[in-house]
Full PDB file with SEQRES, HELIX, SHEET, SSBOND, CRYST1, ORIGX, SCALE, CONECT and MASTER records, all heavy atoms in Angstrom:
SEQRES   1 A   38  ALA GLY PRO LEU HIS GLY LEU ALA ASN GLN GLU VAL LEU          
SEQRES   2 A   38  VAL TRP LEU THR ASN LEU ARG ASN LYS ILE GLY ASP ASN          
SEQRES   3 A   38  VAL THR GLU GLU GLN LEU LYS ASP PHE ILE TRP ASN              
HELIX    1 AA1 ALA A    8  ILE A   23  1                                  16    
HELIX    2 AA2 GLU A   29  TRP A   37  1                                   9    
CRYST1    1.000    1.000    1.000  90.00  90.00  90.00 P 1           1          
ORIGX1      1.000000  0.000000  0.000000        0.00000                         
ORIGX2      0.000000  1.000000  0.000000        0.00000                         
ORIGX3      0.000000  0.000000  1.000000        0.00000                         
SCALE1      1.000000  0.000000  0.000000        0.00000                         
SCALE2      0.000000  1.000000  0.000000        0.00000                         
SCALE3      0.000000  0.000000  1.000000        0.00000                         
ATOM      1  N   ALA A   1      82.928   0.729   6.670  1.00  0.00           N  
ATOM      2  CA  ALA A   1      82.827  -0.418   5.767  1.00  0.00           C  
ATOM      3  C   ALA A   1      83.667  -1.606   6.221  1.00  0.00           C  
ATOM      4  O   ALA A   1      83.544  -2.702   5.656  1.00  0.00           O  
ATOM      5  CB  ALA A   1      83.251   0.000   4.354  1.00  0.00           C  
ATOM      6  N   GLY A   2      84.524  -1.424   7.222  1.00  0.00           N  
ATOM      7  CA  GLY A   2      85.401  -2.503   7.671  1.00  0.00           C  
ATOM      8  C   GLY A   2      84.654  -3.640   8.361  1.00  0.00           C  
ATOM      9  O   GLY A   2      83.637  -3.416   9.029  1.00  0.00           O  
ATOM     10  N   PRO A   3      85.149  -4.879   8.217  1.00  0.00           N  
ATOM     11  CA  PRO A   3      84.478  -6.044   8.822  1.00  0.00           C  
ATOM     12  C   PRO A   3      84.313  -5.959  10.333  1.00  0.00           C  
ATOM     13  O   PRO A   3      83.372  -6.532  10.884  1.00  0.00           O  
ATOM     14  CB  PRO A   3      85.407  -7.212   8.443  1.00  0.00           C  
ATOM     15  CG  PRO A   3      86.116  -6.751   7.218  1.00  0.00           C  
ATOM     16  CD  PRO A   3      86.309  -5.275   7.401  1.00  0.00           C  
ATOM     17  N   LEU A   4      85.218  -5.250  11.022  1.00  0.00           N  
ATOM     18  CA  LEU A   4      85.110  -5.154  12.478  1.00  0.00           C  
ATOM     19  C   LEU A   4      84.210  -4.008  12.929  1.00  0.00           C  
ATOM     20  O   LEU A   4      84.062  -3.773  14.119  1.00  0.00           O  
ATOM     21  CB  LEU A   4      86.503  -4.979  13.100  1.00  0.00           C  
ATOM     22  CG  LEU A   4      87.465  -6.154  12.933  1.00  0.00           C  
ATOM     23  CD1 LEU A   4      88.775  -5.862  13.643  1.00  0.00           C  
ATOM     24  CD2 LEU A   4      86.843  -7.442  13.466  1.00  0.00           C  
ATOM     25  N   HIS A   5      83.616  -3.299  11.973  1.00  0.00           N  
ATOM     26  CA  HIS A   5      82.767  -2.159  12.346  1.00  0.00           C  
ATOM     27  C   HIS A   5      81.366  -2.338  11.740  1.00  0.00           C  
ATOM     28  O   HIS A   5      80.568  -3.106  12.249  1.00  0.00           O  
ATOM     29  CB  HIS A   5      83.437  -0.870  11.877  1.00  0.00           C  
ATOM     30  CG  HIS A   5      82.876   0.381  12.503  1.00  0.00           C  
ATOM     31  ND1 HIS A   5      81.973   0.378  13.541  1.00  0.00           N  
ATOM     32  CD2 HIS A   5      83.094   1.696  12.216  1.00  0.00           C  
ATOM     33  CE1 HIS A   5      81.665   1.615  13.875  1.00  0.00           C  
ATOM     34  NE2 HIS A   5      82.323   2.429  13.080  1.00  0.00           N  
ATOM     35  N   GLY A   6      81.088  -1.691  10.641  1.00  0.00           N  
ATOM     36  CA  GLY A   6      79.721  -1.689  10.112  1.00  0.00           C  
ATOM     37  C   GLY A   6      79.261  -2.984   9.487  1.00  0.00           C  
ATOM     38  O   GLY A   6      78.061  -3.195   9.323  1.00  0.00           O  
ATOM     39  N   LEU A   7      80.186  -3.869   9.121  1.00  0.00           N  
ATOM     40  CA  LEU A   7      79.787  -5.130   8.492  1.00  0.00           C  
ATOM     41  C   LEU A   7      79.333  -6.175   9.504  1.00  0.00           C  
ATOM     42  O   LEU A   7      78.936  -7.272   9.120  1.00  0.00           O  
ATOM     43  CB  LEU A   7      80.942  -5.701   7.667  1.00  0.00           C  
ATOM     44  CG  LEU A   7      81.294  -4.997   6.355  1.00  0.00           C  
ATOM     45  CD1 LEU A   7      82.346  -5.791   5.609  1.00  0.00           C  
ATOM     46  CD2 LEU A   7      80.072  -4.813   5.476  1.00  0.00           C  
ATOM     47  N   ALA A   8      79.378  -5.842  10.783  1.00  0.00           N  
ATOM     48  CA  ALA A   8      79.078  -6.829  11.814  1.00  0.00           C  
ATOM     49  C   ALA A   8      77.670  -7.393  11.697  1.00  0.00           C  
ATOM     50  O   ALA A   8      77.457  -8.599  11.891  1.00  0.00           O  
ATOM     51  CB  ALA A   8      79.288  -6.214  13.199  1.00  0.00           C  
ATOM     52  N   ASN A   9      76.676  -6.540  11.383  1.00  0.00           N  
ATOM     53  CA  ASN A   9      75.303  -7.063  11.298  1.00  0.00           C  
ATOM     54  C   ASN A   9      75.149  -8.048  10.139  1.00  0.00           C  
ATOM     55  O   ASN A   9      74.357  -8.981  10.197  1.00  0.00           O  
ATOM     56  CB  ASN A   9      74.282  -5.922  11.187  1.00  0.00           C  
ATOM     57  CG  ASN A   9      74.548  -4.978  10.033  1.00  0.00           C  
ATOM     58  OD1 ASN A   9      75.421  -5.216   9.208  1.00  0.00           O  
ATOM     59  ND2 ASN A   9      73.808  -3.888   9.988  1.00  0.00           N  
ATOM     60  N   GLN A  10      75.922  -7.833   9.071  1.00  0.00           N  
ATOM     61  CA  GLN A  10      75.921  -8.764   7.947  1.00  0.00           C  
ATOM     62  C   GLN A  10      76.511 -10.107   8.365  1.00  0.00           C  
ATOM     63  O   GLN A  10      76.002 -11.173   7.998  1.00  0.00           O  
ATOM     64  CB  GLN A  10      76.734  -8.166   6.802  1.00  0.00           C  
ATOM     65  CG  GLN A  10      76.722  -8.966   5.506  1.00  0.00           C  
ATOM     66  CD  GLN A  10      77.464  -8.244   4.390  1.00  0.00           C  
ATOM     67  OE1 GLN A  10      77.485  -7.020   4.333  1.00  0.00           O  
ATOM     68  NE2 GLN A  10      78.096  -9.002   3.519  1.00  0.00           N  
ATOM     69  N   GLU A  11      77.573 -10.066   9.173  1.00  0.00           N  
ATOM     70  CA  GLU A  11      78.206 -11.295   9.634  1.00  0.00           C  
ATOM     71  C   GLU A  11      77.295 -12.080  10.576  1.00  0.00           C  
ATOM     72  O   GLU A  11      77.321 -13.311  10.599  1.00  0.00           O  
ATOM     73  CB  GLU A  11      79.530 -10.970  10.321  1.00  0.00           C  
ATOM     74  CG  GLU A  11      80.581 -10.413   9.360  1.00  0.00           C  
ATOM     75  CD  GLU A  11      81.928 -10.201  10.023  1.00  0.00           C  
ATOM     76  OE1 GLU A  11      81.972 -10.167  11.274  1.00  0.00           O  
ATOM     77  OE2 GLU A  11      82.923 -10.077   9.301  1.00  0.00           O  
ATOM     78  N   VAL A  12      76.470 -11.362  11.340  1.00  0.00           N  
ATOM     79  CA  VAL A  12      75.492 -12.026  12.201  1.00  0.00           C  
ATOM     80  C   VAL A  12      74.526 -12.848  11.361  1.00  0.00           C  
ATOM     81  O   VAL A  12      74.229 -14.016  11.674  1.00  0.00           O  
ATOM     82  CB  VAL A  12      74.713 -11.003  13.057  1.00  0.00           C  
ATOM     83  CG1 VAL A  12      73.526 -11.663  13.747  1.00  0.00           C  
ATOM     84  CG2 VAL A  12      75.622 -10.367  14.086  1.00  0.00           C  
ATOM     85  N   LEU A  13      74.038 -12.266  10.259  1.00  0.00           N  
ATOM     86  CA  LEU A  13      73.088 -12.970   9.389  1.00  0.00           C  
ATOM     87  C   LEU A  13      73.729 -14.193   8.750  1.00  0.00           C  
ATOM     88  O   LEU A  13      73.086 -15.241   8.604  1.00  0.00           O  
ATOM     89  CB  LEU A  13      72.565 -12.028   8.308  1.00  0.00           C  
ATOM     90  CG  LEU A  13      71.395 -11.133   8.703  1.00  0.00           C  
ATOM     91  CD1 LEU A  13      71.007 -10.237   7.532  1.00  0.00           C  
ATOM     92  CD2 LEU A  13      70.182 -11.959   9.126  1.00  0.00           C  
ATOM     93  N   VAL A  14      74.984 -14.077   8.347  1.00  0.00           N  
ATOM     94  CA  VAL A  14      75.684 -15.222   7.758  1.00  0.00           C  
ATOM     95  C   VAL A  14      75.770 -16.355   8.776  1.00  0.00           C  
ATOM     96  O   VAL A  14      75.514 -17.531   8.457  1.00  0.00           O  
ATOM     97  CB  VAL A  14      77.100 -14.804   7.295  1.00  0.00           C  
ATOM     98  CG1 VAL A  14      77.908 -16.038   6.884  1.00  0.00           C  
ATOM     99  CG2 VAL A  14      77.004 -13.827   6.129  1.00  0.00           C  
ATOM    100  N   TRP A  15      76.104 -16.003  10.028  1.00  0.00           N  
ATOM    101  CA  TRP A  15      76.221 -17.001  11.084  1.00  0.00           C  
ATOM    102  C   TRP A  15      74.861 -17.637  11.390  1.00  0.00           C  
ATOM    103  O   TRP A  15      74.758 -18.860  11.546  1.00  0.00           O  
ATOM    104  CB  TRP A  15      76.802 -16.348  12.335  1.00  0.00           C  
ATOM    105  CG  TRP A  15      77.145 -17.302  13.438  1.00  0.00           C  
ATOM    106  CD1 TRP A  15      78.256 -18.084  13.543  1.00  0.00           C  
ATOM    107  CD2 TRP A  15      76.352 -17.581  14.604  1.00  0.00           C  
ATOM    108  NE1 TRP A  15      78.219 -18.820  14.700  1.00  0.00           N  
ATOM    109  CE2 TRP A  15      77.061 -18.533  15.363  1.00  0.00           C  
ATOM    110  CE3 TRP A  15      75.132 -17.103  15.073  1.00  0.00           C  
ATOM    111  CZ2 TRP A  15      76.583 -19.024  16.568  1.00  0.00           C  
ATOM    112  CZ3 TRP A  15      74.649 -17.600  16.277  1.00  0.00           C  
ATOM    113  CH2 TRP A  15      75.364 -18.552  17.013  1.00  0.00           C  
ATOM    114  N   LEU A  16      73.817 -16.814  11.445  1.00  0.00           N  
ATOM    115  CA  LEU A  16      72.469 -17.326  11.707  1.00  0.00           C  
ATOM    116  C   LEU A  16      71.997 -18.247  10.584  1.00  0.00           C  
ATOM    117  O   LEU A  16      71.377 -19.285  10.829  1.00  0.00           O  
ATOM    118  CB  LEU A  16      71.478 -16.164  11.868  1.00  0.00           C  
ATOM    119  CG  LEU A  16      71.559 -15.350  13.159  1.00  0.00           C  
ATOM    120  CD1 LEU A  16      70.620 -14.144  13.076  1.00  0.00           C  
ATOM    121  CD2 LEU A  16      71.205 -16.199  14.368  1.00  0.00           C  
ATOM    122  N   THR A  17      72.295 -17.862   9.349  1.00  0.00           N  
ATOM    123  CA  THR A  17      71.908 -18.684   8.202  1.00  0.00           C  
ATOM    124  C   THR A  17      72.611 -20.034   8.246  1.00  0.00           C  
ATOM    125  O   THR A  17      72.007 -21.078   7.988  1.00  0.00           O  
ATOM    126  CB  THR A  17      72.253 -17.963   6.885  1.00  0.00           C  
ATOM    127  OG1 THR A  17      71.552 -16.718   6.848  1.00  0.00           O  
ATOM    128  CG2 THR A  17      71.858 -18.792   5.676  1.00  0.00           C  
ATOM    129  N   ASN A  18      73.879 -20.018   8.611  1.00  0.00           N  
ATOM    130  CA  ASN A  18      74.642 -21.263   8.736  1.00  0.00           C  
ATOM    131  C   ASN A  18      74.054 -22.137   9.833  1.00  0.00           C  
ATOM    132  O   ASN A  18      73.928 -23.357   9.675  1.00  0.00           O  
ATOM    133  CB  ASN A  18      76.106 -20.926   9.042  1.00  0.00           C  
ATOM    134  CG  ASN A  18      77.000 -22.153   9.028  1.00  0.00           C  
ATOM    135  OD1 ASN A  18      76.749 -23.106   8.280  1.00  0.00           O  
ATOM    136  ND2 ASN A  18      78.045 -22.148   9.845  1.00  0.00           N  
ATOM    137  N   LEU A  19      73.666 -21.498  10.932  1.00  0.00           N  
ATOM    138  CA  LEU A  19      73.053 -22.235  12.043  1.00  0.00           C  
ATOM    139  C   LEU A  19      71.744 -22.895  11.602  1.00  0.00           C  
ATOM    140  O   LEU A  19      71.506 -24.079  11.871  1.00  0.00           O  
ATOM    141  CB  LEU A  19      72.800 -21.276  13.215  1.00  0.00           C  
ATOM    142  CG  LEU A  19      72.405 -21.850  14.580  1.00  0.00           C  
ATOM    143  CD1 LEU A  19      72.671 -20.833  15.678  1.00  0.00           C  
ATOM    144  CD2 LEU A  19      70.920 -22.249  14.628  1.00  0.00           C  
ATOM    145  N   ARG A  20      70.902 -22.127  10.904  1.00  0.00           N  
ATOM    146  CA  ARG A  20      69.592 -22.657  10.472  1.00  0.00           C  
ATOM    147  C   ARG A  20      69.768 -23.782   9.461  1.00  0.00           C  
ATOM    148  O   ARG A  20      69.001 -24.756   9.470  1.00  0.00           O  
ATOM    149  CB  ARG A  20      68.752 -21.535   9.863  1.00  0.00           C  
ATOM    150  CG  ARG A  20      68.375 -20.443  10.845  1.00  0.00           C  
ATOM    151  CD  ARG A  20      67.587 -19.339  10.152  1.00  0.00           C  
ATOM    152  NE  ARG A  20      66.193 -19.687   9.981  1.00  0.00           N  
ATOM    153  CZ  ARG A  20      65.319 -18.926   9.323  1.00  0.00           C  
ATOM    154  NH1 ARG A  20      65.717 -17.789   8.776  1.00  0.00           N  
ATOM    155  NH2 ARG A  20      64.061 -19.293   9.212  1.00  0.00           N  
ATOM    156  N   ASN A  21      70.752 -23.640   8.575  1.00  0.00           N  
ATOM    157  CA  ASN A  21      70.979 -24.683   7.564  1.00  0.00           C  
ATOM    158  C   ASN A  21      71.431 -25.993   8.194  1.00  0.00           C  
ATOM    159  O   ASN A  21      71.097 -27.073   7.699  1.00  0.00           O  
ATOM    160  CB  ASN A  21      72.024 -24.214   6.545  1.00  0.00           C  
ATOM    161  CG  ASN A  21      71.500 -23.107   5.640  1.00  0.00           C  
ATOM    162  OD1 ASN A  21      70.295 -22.938   5.485  1.00  0.00           O  
ATOM    163  ND2 ASN A  21      72.407 -22.348   5.048  1.00  0.00           N  
ATOM    164  N   LYS A  22      72.176 -25.901   9.278  1.00  0.00           N  
ATOM    165  CA  LYS A  22      72.715 -27.110   9.919  1.00  0.00           C  
ATOM    166  C   LYS A  22      71.762 -27.726  10.928  1.00  0.00           C  
ATOM    167  O   LYS A  22      71.718 -28.944  11.093  1.00  0.00           O  
ATOM    168  CB  LYS A  22      74.046 -26.785  10.595  1.00  0.00           C  
ATOM    169  CG  LYS A  22      75.179 -26.519   9.607  1.00  0.00           C  
ATOM    170  CD  LYS A  22      76.516 -26.366  10.330  1.00  0.00           C  
ATOM    171  CE  LYS A  22      77.648 -26.193   9.326  1.00  0.00           C  
ATOM    172  NZ  LYS A  22      78.973 -26.060   9.983  1.00  0.00           N  
ATOM    173  N   ILE A  23      70.991 -26.875  11.621  1.00  0.00           N  
ATOM    174  CA  ILE A  23      70.156 -27.377  12.719  1.00  0.00           C  
ATOM    175  C   ILE A  23      68.662 -27.184  12.461  1.00  0.00           C  
ATOM    176  O   ILE A  23      67.835 -27.973  12.899  1.00  0.00           O  
ATOM    177  CB  ILE A  23      70.536 -26.686  14.055  1.00  0.00           C  
ATOM    178  CG1 ILE A  23      72.035 -26.851  14.332  1.00  0.00           C  
ATOM    179  CG2 ILE A  23      69.750 -27.281  15.213  1.00  0.00           C  
ATOM    180  CD1 ILE A  23      72.506 -26.143  15.584  1.00  0.00           C  
ATOM    181  N   GLY A  24      68.303 -26.119  11.755  1.00  0.00           N  
ATOM    182  CA  GLY A  24      66.890 -25.816  11.535  1.00  0.00           C  
ATOM    183  C   GLY A  24      66.389 -24.787  12.528  1.00  0.00           C  
ATOM    184  O   GLY A  24      67.147 -24.262  13.354  1.00  0.00           O  
ATOM    185  N   ASP A  25      65.090 -24.482  12.456  1.00  0.00           N  
ATOM    186  CA  ASP A  25      64.501 -23.463  13.321  1.00  0.00           C  
ATOM    187  C   ASP A  25      64.052 -24.025  14.672  1.00  0.00           C  
ATOM    188  O   ASP A  25      64.117 -23.339  15.689  1.00  0.00           O  
ATOM    189  CB  ASP A  25      63.302 -22.806  12.625  1.00  0.00           C  
ATOM    190  CG  ASP A  25      63.734 -21.908  11.474  1.00  0.00           C  
ATOM    191  OD1 ASP A  25      64.786 -21.259  11.604  1.00  0.00           O  
ATOM    192  OD2 ASP A  25      63.033 -21.859  10.446  1.00  0.00           O  
ATOM    193  N   ASN A  26      63.574 -25.247  14.673  1.00  0.00           N  
ATOM    194  CA  ASN A  26      63.052 -25.836  15.917  1.00  0.00           C  
ATOM    195  C   ASN A  26      64.188 -26.477  16.710  1.00  0.00           C  
ATOM    196  O   ASN A  26      64.274 -27.703  16.858  1.00  0.00           O  
ATOM    197  CB  ASN A  26      61.969 -26.864  15.597  1.00  0.00           C  
ATOM    198  CG  ASN A  26      60.784 -26.234  14.898  1.00  0.00           C  
ATOM    199  OD1 ASN A  26      60.339 -25.149  15.280  1.00  0.00           O  
ATOM    200  ND2 ASN A  26      60.285 -26.896  13.858  1.00  0.00           N  
ATOM    201  N   VAL A  27      65.053 -25.627  17.207  1.00  0.00           N  
ATOM    202  CA  VAL A  27      66.246 -26.125  17.900  1.00  0.00           C  
ATOM    203  C   VAL A  27      66.028 -26.119  19.407  1.00  0.00           C  
ATOM    204  O   VAL A  27      65.267 -25.313  19.949  1.00  0.00           O  
ATOM    205  CB  VAL A  27      67.480 -25.264  17.556  1.00  0.00           C  
ATOM    206  CG1 VAL A  27      67.804 -25.368  16.083  1.00  0.00           C  
ATOM    207  CG2 VAL A  27      67.265 -23.816  17.950  1.00  0.00           C  
ATOM    208  N   THR A  28      66.727 -27.012  20.069  1.00  0.00           N  
ATOM    209  CA  THR A  28      66.699 -27.034  21.531  1.00  0.00           C  
ATOM    210  C   THR A  28      67.860 -26.202  22.060  1.00  0.00           C  
ATOM    211  O   THR A  28      68.803 -25.879  21.322  1.00  0.00           O  
ATOM    212  CB  THR A  28      66.835 -28.469  22.043  1.00  0.00           C  
ATOM    213  OG1 THR A  28      68.136 -28.972  21.693  1.00  0.00           O  
ATOM    214  CG2 THR A  28      65.757 -29.366  21.448  1.00  0.00           C  
ATOM    215  N   GLU A  29      67.820 -25.885  23.339  1.00  0.00           N  
ATOM    216  CA  GLU A  29      68.910 -25.123  23.939  1.00  0.00           C  
ATOM    217  C   GLU A  29      70.224 -25.920  23.898  1.00  0.00           C  
ATOM    218  O   GLU A  29      71.298 -25.339  23.714  1.00  0.00           O  
ATOM    219  CB  GLU A  29      68.559 -24.743  25.381  1.00  0.00           C  
ATOM    220  CG  GLU A  29      67.524 -23.645  25.489  1.00  0.00           C  
ATOM    221  CD  GLU A  29      67.473 -23.020  26.872  1.00  0.00           C  
ATOM    222  OE1 GLU A  29      68.294 -23.419  27.733  1.00  0.00           O  
ATOM    223  OE2 GLU A  29      66.628 -22.126  27.087  1.00  0.00           O  
ATOM    224  N   GLU A  30      70.122 -27.233  24.053  1.00  0.00           N  
ATOM    225  CA  GLU A  30      71.328 -28.059  24.017  1.00  0.00           C  
ATOM    226  C   GLU A  30      71.965 -28.028  22.629  1.00  0.00           C  
ATOM    227  O   GLU A  30      73.190 -27.983  22.496  1.00  0.00           O  
ATOM    228  CB  GLU A  30      70.999 -29.501  24.420  1.00  0.00           C  
ATOM    229  CG  GLU A  30      70.720 -29.670  25.905  1.00  0.00           C  
ATOM    230  CD  GLU A  30      71.859 -29.158  26.775  1.00  0.00           C  
ATOM    231  OE1 GLU A  30      73.031 -29.493  26.471  1.00  0.00           O  
ATOM    232  OE2 GLU A  30      71.592 -28.429  27.744  1.00  0.00           O  
ATOM    233  N   GLN A  31      71.135 -28.067  21.587  1.00  0.00           N  
ATOM    234  CA  GLN A  31      71.667 -27.991  20.229  1.00  0.00           C  
ATOM    235  C   GLN A  31      72.354 -26.646  19.990  1.00  0.00           C  
ATOM    236  O   GLN A  31      73.406 -26.581  19.353  1.00  0.00           O  
ATOM    237  CB  GLN A  31      70.542 -28.191  19.213  1.00  0.00           C  
ATOM    238  CG  GLN A  31      70.035 -29.614  19.112  1.00  0.00           C  
ATOM    239  CD  GLN A  31      68.858 -29.730  18.154  1.00  0.00           C  
ATOM    240  OE1 GLN A  31      67.871 -28.983  18.258  1.00  0.00           O  
ATOM    241  NE2 GLN A  31      68.960 -30.660  17.214  1.00  0.00           N  
ATOM    242  N   LEU A  32      71.743 -25.592  20.504  1.00  0.00           N  
ATOM    243  CA  LEU A  32      72.334 -24.264  20.349  1.00  0.00           C  
ATOM    244  C   LEU A  32      73.665 -24.171  21.095  1.00  0.00           C  
ATOM    245  O   LEU A  32      74.643 -23.623  20.584  1.00  0.00           O  
ATOM    246  CB  LEU A  32      71.372 -23.184  20.866  1.00  0.00           C  
ATOM    247  CG  LEU A  32      70.198 -22.813  19.967  1.00  0.00           C  
ATOM    248  CD1 LEU A  32      69.328 -21.758  20.644  1.00  0.00           C  
ATOM    249  CD2 LEU A  32      70.674 -22.277  18.620  1.00  0.00           C  
ATOM    250  N   LYS A  33      73.692 -24.714  22.302  1.00  0.00           N  
ATOM    251  CA  LYS A  33      74.933 -24.692  23.085  1.00  0.00           C  
ATOM    252  C   LYS A  33      76.046 -25.421  22.354  1.00  0.00           C  
ATOM    253  O   LYS A  33      77.192 -24.948  22.295  1.00  0.00           O  
ATOM    254  CB  LYS A  33      74.700 -25.325  24.461  1.00  0.00           C  
ATOM    255  CG  LYS A  33      73.878 -24.477  25.412  1.00  0.00           C  
ATOM    256  CD  LYS A  33      73.680 -25.196  26.735  1.00  0.00           C  
ATOM    257  CE  LYS A  33      72.814 -24.358  27.677  1.00  0.00           C  
ATOM    258  NZ  LYS A  33      72.572 -25.075  28.961  1.00  0.00           N  
ATOM    259  N   ASP A  34      75.725 -26.580  21.780  1.00  0.00           N  
ATOM    260  CA  ASP A  34      76.733 -27.349  21.042  1.00  0.00           C  
ATOM    261  C   ASP A  34      77.247 -26.552  19.846  1.00  0.00           C  
ATOM    262  O   ASP A  34      78.456 -26.530  19.572  1.00  0.00           O  
ATOM    263  CB  ASP A  34      76.146 -28.680  20.563  1.00  0.00           C  
ATOM    264  CG  ASP A  34      75.913 -29.653  21.706  1.00  0.00           C  
ATOM    265  OD1 ASP A  34      76.528 -29.467  22.780  1.00  0.00           O  
ATOM    266  OD2 ASP A  34      75.106 -30.589  21.534  1.00  0.00           O  
ATOM    267  N   PHE A  35      76.333 -25.892  19.123  1.00  0.00           N  
ATOM    268  CA  PHE A  35      76.730 -25.129  17.944  1.00  0.00           C  
ATOM    269  C   PHE A  35      77.611 -23.949  18.338  1.00  0.00           C  
ATOM    270  O   PHE A  35      78.609 -23.649  17.666  1.00  0.00           O  
ATOM    271  CB  PHE A  35      75.486 -24.624  17.205  1.00  0.00           C  
ATOM    272  CG  PHE A  35      75.795 -23.983  15.872  1.00  0.00           C  
ATOM    273  CD1 PHE A  35      75.908 -24.747  14.719  1.00  0.00           C  
ATOM    274  CD2 PHE A  35      75.988 -22.606  15.775  1.00  0.00           C  
ATOM    275  CE1 PHE A  35      76.209 -24.163  13.499  1.00  0.00           C  
ATOM    276  CE2 PHE A  35      76.283 -22.011  14.564  1.00  0.00           C  
ATOM    277  CZ  PHE A  35      76.392 -22.794  13.412  1.00  0.00           C  
ATOM    278  N   ILE A  36      77.248 -23.291  19.432  1.00  0.00           N  
ATOM    279  CA  ILE A  36      78.028 -22.133  19.912  1.00  0.00           C  
ATOM    280  C   ILE A  36      79.417 -22.570  20.351  1.00  0.00           C  
ATOM    281  O   ILE A  36      80.421 -21.939  20.004  1.00  0.00           O  
ATOM    282  CB  ILE A  36      77.280 -21.426  21.060  1.00  0.00           C  
ATOM    283  CG1 ILE A  36      75.975 -20.814  20.547  1.00  0.00           C  
ATOM    284  CG2 ILE A  36      78.157 -20.328  21.677  1.00  0.00           C  
ATOM    285  CD1 ILE A  36      74.996 -20.456  21.640  1.00  0.00           C  
ATOM    286  N   TRP A  37      79.477 -23.679  21.114  1.00  0.00           N  
ATOM    287  CA  TRP A  37      80.782 -24.180  21.560  1.00  0.00           C  
ATOM    288  C   TRP A  37      81.656 -24.584  20.364  1.00  0.00           C  
ATOM    289  O   TRP A  37      82.867 -24.349  20.357  1.00  0.00           O  
ATOM    290  CB  TRP A  37      80.609 -25.362  22.511  1.00  0.00           C  
ATOM    291  CG  TRP A  37      80.411 -24.970  23.939  1.00  0.00           C  
ATOM    292  CD1 TRP A  37      79.299 -25.171  24.714  1.00  0.00           C  
ATOM    293  CD2 TRP A  37      81.355 -24.287  24.771  1.00  0.00           C  
ATOM    294  NE1 TRP A  37      79.478 -24.659  25.972  1.00  0.00           N  
ATOM    295  CE2 TRP A  37      80.740 -24.113  26.047  1.00  0.00           C  
ATOM    296  CE3 TRP A  37      82.637 -23.802  24.589  1.00  0.00           C  
ATOM    297  CZ2 TRP A  37      81.374 -23.479  27.105  1.00  0.00           C  
ATOM    298  CZ3 TRP A  37      83.282 -23.178  25.643  1.00  0.00           C  
ATOM    299  CH2 TRP A  37      82.667 -23.019  26.880  1.00  0.00           C  
ATOM    300  N   ASN A  38      81.054 -25.185  19.355  1.00  0.00           N  
ATOM    301  CA  ASN A  38      81.809 -25.563  18.161  1.00  0.00           C  
ATOM    302  C   ASN A  38      82.347 -24.331  17.447  1.00  0.00           C  
ATOM    303  O   ASN A  38      83.464 -24.348  16.916  1.00  0.00           O  
ATOM    304  CB  ASN A  38      80.929 -26.383  17.209  1.00  0.00           C  
ATOM    305  CG  ASN A  38      80.656 -27.782  17.730  1.00  0.00           C  
ATOM    306  OD1 ASN A  38      81.446 -28.329  18.505  1.00  0.00           O  
ATOM    307  ND2 ASN A  38      79.553 -28.371  17.302  1.00  0.00           N  
TER     308      ASN A  38                                                      
MASTER        0    0    0    2    0    0    0    6  307    1    0    3          
END                                                                             
């Protein structure tokens, strides 16, 4: 149940949702790179 173990897949979804809310689905590789670097 710890965040560094089984909760990881949940954290992936939170991060993906944040990405989609800020950039959308039709993203370019450059936009993704900027988001990842940030």
